[in-house]
Amino acid sequence: MLHLIKLAVGPKDVAAMERGQAQRAHAPGGLRHVTRMAPKRAPEILEGGSLYWVVAGVLRVRQRILAIEPVKRADGTAATALILEPGLVPVHPRPVKPFQGWRYLEAEKAPADLADGEVAAEGIDELPPKMRRALSDLGLL
């Protein structure tokens, strides 16, 4: 199984992304993200892969990719539609440097989903325990 990772352009947080997707979810053809390039490894993605979204510089959520279809943009140029399962699944957040387009994300490198009711650690809570302890010992926390 293989995943894709993509920067969410526009939304400043996950709530804004959810609102935008809710507006587009009822469009003909379902919820989709149109991209210029078609993934060459599409069969691996369609084995249960997801599109992991980077929101405001942090990988925060994912959506299952249901299908990958060739489409034409309004100007007639060829593109690819990633058909997505509605709903964003929160994952353990991690910072991601900016990049263009999308990238492949190997399954073993993908962050785990947050458990029901689990809240992502932010700020100091995000530091590894050993580092928090060392900073505390130095009087910095």
C-alpha atoms as a PDB file:
ATOM      1  CA  MET A   1       0.000   0.000   0.000  1.00  0.00           C
ATOM      2  CA  LEU A   2       1.159   3.520  -0.810  1.00  0.00           C
ATOM      3  CA  HIS A   3      -0.105   6.970   0.180  1.00  0.00           C
ATOM      4  CA  LEU A   4       0.168  10.500  -1.178  1.00  0.00           C
ATOM      5  CA  ILE A   5       1.006  13.654   0.757  1.00  0.00           C
ATOM      6  CA  LYS A   6      -0.181  17.098  -0.374  1.00  0.00           C
ATOM      7  CA  LEU A   7      -0.132  20.664   0.944  1.00  0.00           C
ATOM      8  CA  ALA A   8      -3.616  22.041   1.576  1.00  0.00           C
ATOM      9  CA  VAL A   9      -3.541  25.463  -0.092  1.00  0.00           C
ATOM     10  CA  GLY A  10      -5.964  27.971   1.399  1.00  0.00           C
ATOM     11  CA  PRO A  11      -7.246  26.580   4.696  1.00  0.00           C
ATOM     12  CA  LYS A  12      -5.449  27.921   7.751  1.00  0.00           C
ATOM     13  CA  ASP A  13      -6.607  25.056   9.968  1.00  0.00           C
ATOM     14  CA  VAL A  14      -8.397  21.697   9.806  1.00  0.00           C
ATOM     15  CA  ALA A  15     -11.770  23.274  10.642  1.00  0.00           C
ATOM     16  CA  ALA A  16     -11.525  25.543   7.577  1.00  0.00           C
ATOM     17  CA  MET A  17     -10.586  22.542   5.444  1.00  0.00           C
ATOM     18  CA  GLU A  18     -13.608  20.608   6.750  1.00  0.00           C
ATOM     19  CA  ARG A  19     -15.930  23.521   5.903  1.00  0.00           C
ATOM     20  CA  GLY A  20     -14.564  23.779   2.372  1.00  0.00           C
ATOM     21  CA  GLN A  21     -14.874  20.057   1.760  1.00  0.00           C
ATOM     22  CA  ALA A  22     -18.416  19.985   3.147  1.00  0.00           C
ATOM     23  CA  GLN A  23     -19.395  22.545   0.508  1.00  0.00           C
ATOM     24  CA  ARG A  24     -17.831  20.445  -2.290  1.00  0.00           C
ATOM     25  CA  ALA A  25     -18.936  17.007  -1.044  1.00  0.00           C
ATOM     26  CA  HIS A  26     -22.267  17.104  -2.864  1.00  0.00           C
ATOM     27  CA  ALA A  27     -20.834  18.065  -6.258  1.00  0.00           C
ATOM     28  CA  PRO A  28     -21.359  15.686  -9.184  1.00  0.00           C
ATOM     29  CA  GLY A  29     -18.734  12.942  -9.074  1.00  0.00           C
ATOM     30  CA  GLY A  30     -18.268  13.176  -5.312  1.00  0.00           C
ATOM     31  CA  LEU A  31     -15.503  14.742  -3.289  1.00  0.00           C
ATOM     32  CA  ARG A  32     -12.404  15.049  -5.431  1.00  0.00           C
ATOM     33  CA  HIS A  33      -9.066  16.765  -5.634  1.00  0.00           C
ATOM     34  CA  VAL A  34      -7.872  17.538  -9.149  1.00  0.00           C
ATOM     35  CA  THR A  35      -4.141  17.505  -9.796  1.00  0.00           C
ATOM     36  CA  ARG A  36      -2.114  17.975 -12.951  1.00  0.00           C
ATOM     37  CA  MET A  37      -0.014  14.825 -12.736  1.00  0.00           C
ATOM     38  CA  ALA A  38      -1.281  11.243 -12.538  1.00  0.00           C
ATOM     39  CA  PRO A  39       0.448   8.977 -10.013  1.00  0.00           C
ATOM     40  CA  LYS A  40       2.407   6.298 -11.872  1.00  0.00           C
ATOM     41  CA  ARG A  41       2.013   3.999  -8.865  1.00  0.00           C
ATOM     42  CA  ALA A  42      -1.806   4.265  -8.837  1.00  0.00           C
ATOM     43  CA  PRO A  43      -2.409   0.508  -8.345  1.00  0.00           C
ATOM     44  CA  GLU A  44      -0.455   0.612  -5.060  1.00  0.00           C
ATOM     45  CA  ILE A  45      -2.418   3.666  -3.905  1.00  0.00           C
ATOM     46  CA  LEU A  46      -5.744   2.033  -4.700  1.00  0.00           C
ATOM     47  CA  GLU A  47      -4.890  -0.881  -2.354  1.00  0.00           C
ATOM     48  CA  GLY A  48      -6.170   1.279   0.528  1.00  0.00           C
ATOM     49  CA  GLY A  49      -3.969   4.367   0.312  1.00  0.00           C
ATOM     50  CA  SER A  50      -4.855   7.801   1.621  1.00  0.00           C
ATOM     51  CA  LEU A  51      -4.143  11.409   0.780  1.00  0.00           C
ATOM     52  CA  TYR A  52      -2.346  12.924   3.787  1.00  0.00           C
ATOM     53  CA  TRP A  53      -2.951  16.667   4.054  1.00  0.00           C
ATOM     54  CA  VAL A  54      -0.399  19.195   5.303  1.00  0.00           C
ATOM     55  CA  VAL A  55      -2.338  22.098   6.833  1.00  0.00           C
ATOM     56  CA  ALA A  56      -0.407  25.243   7.806  1.00  0.00           C
ATOM     57  CA  GLY A  57       2.939  23.426   7.655  1.00  0.00           C
ATOM     58  CA  VAL A  58       1.875  20.407   9.717  1.00  0.00           C
ATOM     59  CA  LEU A  59       0.705  17.020   8.467  1.00  0.00           C
ATOM     60  CA  ARG A  60      -2.589  16.728  10.400  1.00  0.00           C
ATOM     61  CA  VAL A  61      -5.242  14.647   8.606  1.00  0.00           C
ATOM     62  CA  ARG A  62      -5.785  12.046   5.920  1.00  0.00           C
ATOM     63  CA  GLN A  63      -8.543  10.929   3.555  1.00  0.00           C
ATOM     64  CA  ARG A  64      -8.849   7.561   1.883  1.00  0.00           C
ATOM     65  CA  ILE A  65      -8.429   7.616  -1.900  1.00  0.00           C
ATOM     66  CA  LEU A  66     -11.316   5.699  -3.450  1.00  0.00           C
ATOM     67  CA  ALA A  67     -10.424   6.105  -7.133  1.00  0.00           C
ATOM     68  CA  ILE A  68      -8.042   7.857  -9.507  1.00  0.00           C
ATOM     69  CA  GLU A  69      -9.599   9.079 -12.753  1.00  0.00           C
ATOM     70  CA  PRO A  70      -8.397  11.034 -15.788  1.00  0.00           C
ATOM     71  CA  VAL A  71     -10.335  14.290 -16.253  1.00  0.00           C
ATOM     72  CA  LYS A  72     -10.233  17.451 -18.358  1.00  0.00           C
ATOM     73  CA  ARG A  73      -9.977  20.883 -16.792  1.00  0.00           C
ATOM     74  CA  ALA A  74     -12.295  23.685 -17.932  1.00  0.00           C
ATOM     75  CA  ASP A  75      -9.600  24.852 -20.392  1.00  0.00           C
ATOM     76  CA  GLY A  76      -9.361  21.351 -21.906  1.00  0.00           C
ATOM     77  CA  THR A  77      -6.015  20.341 -20.418  1.00  0.00           C
ATOM     78  CA  ALA A  78      -5.617  16.823 -19.088  1.00  0.00           C
ATOM     79  CA  ALA A  79      -5.595  16.314 -15.315  1.00  0.00           C
ATOM     80  CA  THR A  80      -6.224  13.613 -12.728  1.00  0.00           C
ATOM     81  CA  ALA A  81      -8.995  13.497 -10.141  1.00  0.00           C
ATOM     82  CA  LEU A  82      -8.337  11.819  -6.814  1.00  0.00           C
ATOM     83  CA  ILE A  83     -11.759  10.689  -5.599  1.00  0.00           C
ATOM     84  CA  LEU A  84     -11.755  11.003  -1.810  1.00  0.00           C
ATOM     85  CA  GLU A  85     -13.783   9.455   0.966  1.00  0.00           C
ATOM     86  CA  PRO A  86     -15.630  12.238   2.816  1.00  0.00           C
ATOM     87  CA  GLY A  87     -14.362  13.043   6.295  1.00  0.00           C
ATOM     88  CA  LEU A  88     -10.920  13.898   7.590  1.00  0.00           C
ATOM     89  CA  VAL A  89      -9.145  11.382   9.825  1.00  0.00           C
ATOM     90  CA  PRO A  90      -6.833  13.077  12.361  1.00  0.00           C
ATOM     91  CA  VAL A  91      -3.287  11.700  12.529  1.00  0.00           C
ATOM     92  CA  HIS A  92      -0.371  12.284  14.882  1.00  0.00           C
ATOM     93  CA  PRO A  93       0.865  15.662  13.617  1.00  0.00           C
ATOM     94  CA  ARG A  94       4.344  16.329  12.334  1.00  0.00           C
ATOM     95  CA  PRO A  95       5.880  19.368  10.652  1.00  0.00           C
ATOM     96  CA  VAL A  96       6.499  19.182   6.898  1.00  0.00           C
ATOM     97  CA  LYS A  97       8.616  21.518   4.789  1.00  0.00           C
ATOM     98  CA  PRO A  98       6.880  23.134   1.800  1.00  0.00           C
ATOM     99  CA  PHE A  99       6.931  21.338  -1.558  1.00  0.00           C
ATOM    100  CA  GLN A 100       5.057  21.546  -4.840  1.00  0.00           C
ATOM    101  CA  GLY A 101       2.493  19.070  -6.087  1.00  0.00           C
ATOM    102  CA  TRP A 102       2.175  15.799  -4.192  1.00  0.00           C
ATOM    103  CA  ARG A 103       4.665  13.214  -2.980  1.00  0.00           C
ATOM    104  CA  TYR A 104       4.482   9.492  -2.397  1.00  0.00           C
ATOM    105  CA  LEU A 105       4.387   8.447   1.259  1.00  0.00           C
ATOM    106  CA  GLU A 106       5.383   4.881   2.052  1.00  0.00           C
ATOM    107  CA  ALA A 107       2.947   3.154   4.435  1.00  0.00           C
ATOM    108  CA  GLU A 108       5.626   2.514   7.066  1.00  0.00           C
ATOM    109  CA  LYS A 109       6.485   6.251   7.164  1.00  0.00           C
ATOM    110  CA  ALA A 110       2.881   7.448   7.447  1.00  0.00           C
ATOM    111  CA  PRO A 111       1.823   8.819  10.837  1.00  0.00           C
ATOM    112  CA  ALA A 112      -0.641   6.752  12.836  1.00  0.00           C
ATOM    113  CA  ASP A 113      -4.252   7.832  13.206  1.00  0.00           C
ATOM    114  CA  LEU A 114      -5.220   9.467  16.481  1.00  0.00           C
ATOM    115  CA  ALA A 115      -7.398   7.176  18.588  1.00  0.00           C
ATOM    116  CA  ASP A 116     -11.017   8.189  19.245  1.00  0.00           C
ATOM    117  CA  GLY A 117     -10.993  11.018  21.757  1.00  0.00           C
ATOM    118  CA  GLU A 118      -7.196  11.385  21.583  1.00  0.00           C
ATOM    119  CA  VAL A 119      -5.984  14.958  21.167  1.00  0.00           C
ATOM    120  CA  ALA A 120      -2.805  15.771  19.278  1.00  0.00           C
ATOM    121  CA  ALA A 121       0.024  17.029  21.453  1.00  0.00           C
ATOM    122  CA  GLU A 122       0.896  20.662  20.822  1.00  0.00           C
ATOM    123  CA  GLY A 123       3.873  22.734  21.887  1.00  0.00           C
ATOM    124  CA  ILE A 124       5.818  21.410  24.864  1.00  0.00           C
ATOM    125  CA  ASP A 125       3.674  18.269  25.060  1.00  0.00           C
ATOM    126  CA  GLU A 126       4.886  17.386  21.572  1.00  0.00           C
ATOM    127  CA  LEU A 127       8.504  17.043  22.760  1.00  0.00           C
ATOM    128  CA  PRO A 128       9.821  13.550  23.485  1.00  0.00           C
ATOM    129  CA  PRO A 129       9.686  12.714  27.228  1.00  0.00           C
ATOM    130  CA  LYS A 130      13.482  12.436  27.515  1.00  0.00           C
ATOM    131  CA  MET A 131      13.917  15.931  26.054  1.00  0.00           C
ATOM    132  CA  ARG A 132      11.217  17.403  28.316  1.00  0.00           C
ATOM    133  CA  ARG A 133      12.967  15.864  31.327  1.00  0.00           C
ATOM    134  CA  ALA A 134      16.362  17.287  30.246  1.00  0.00           C
ATOM    135  CA  LEU A 135      14.895  20.765  29.705  1.00  0.00           C
ATOM    136  CA  SER A 136      13.166  20.557  33.064  1.00  0.00           C
ATOM    137  CA  ASP A 137      16.437  19.536  34.753  1.00  0.00           C
ATOM    138  CA  LEU A 138      18.077  22.618  33.238  1.00  0.00           C
ATOM    139  CA  GLY A 139      15.274  24.795  34.631  1.00  0.00           C
ATOM    140  CA  LEU A 140      13.996  25.704  31.191  1.00  0.00           C
ATOM    141  CA  LEU A 141      10.518  24.230  31.709  1.00  0.00           C
END
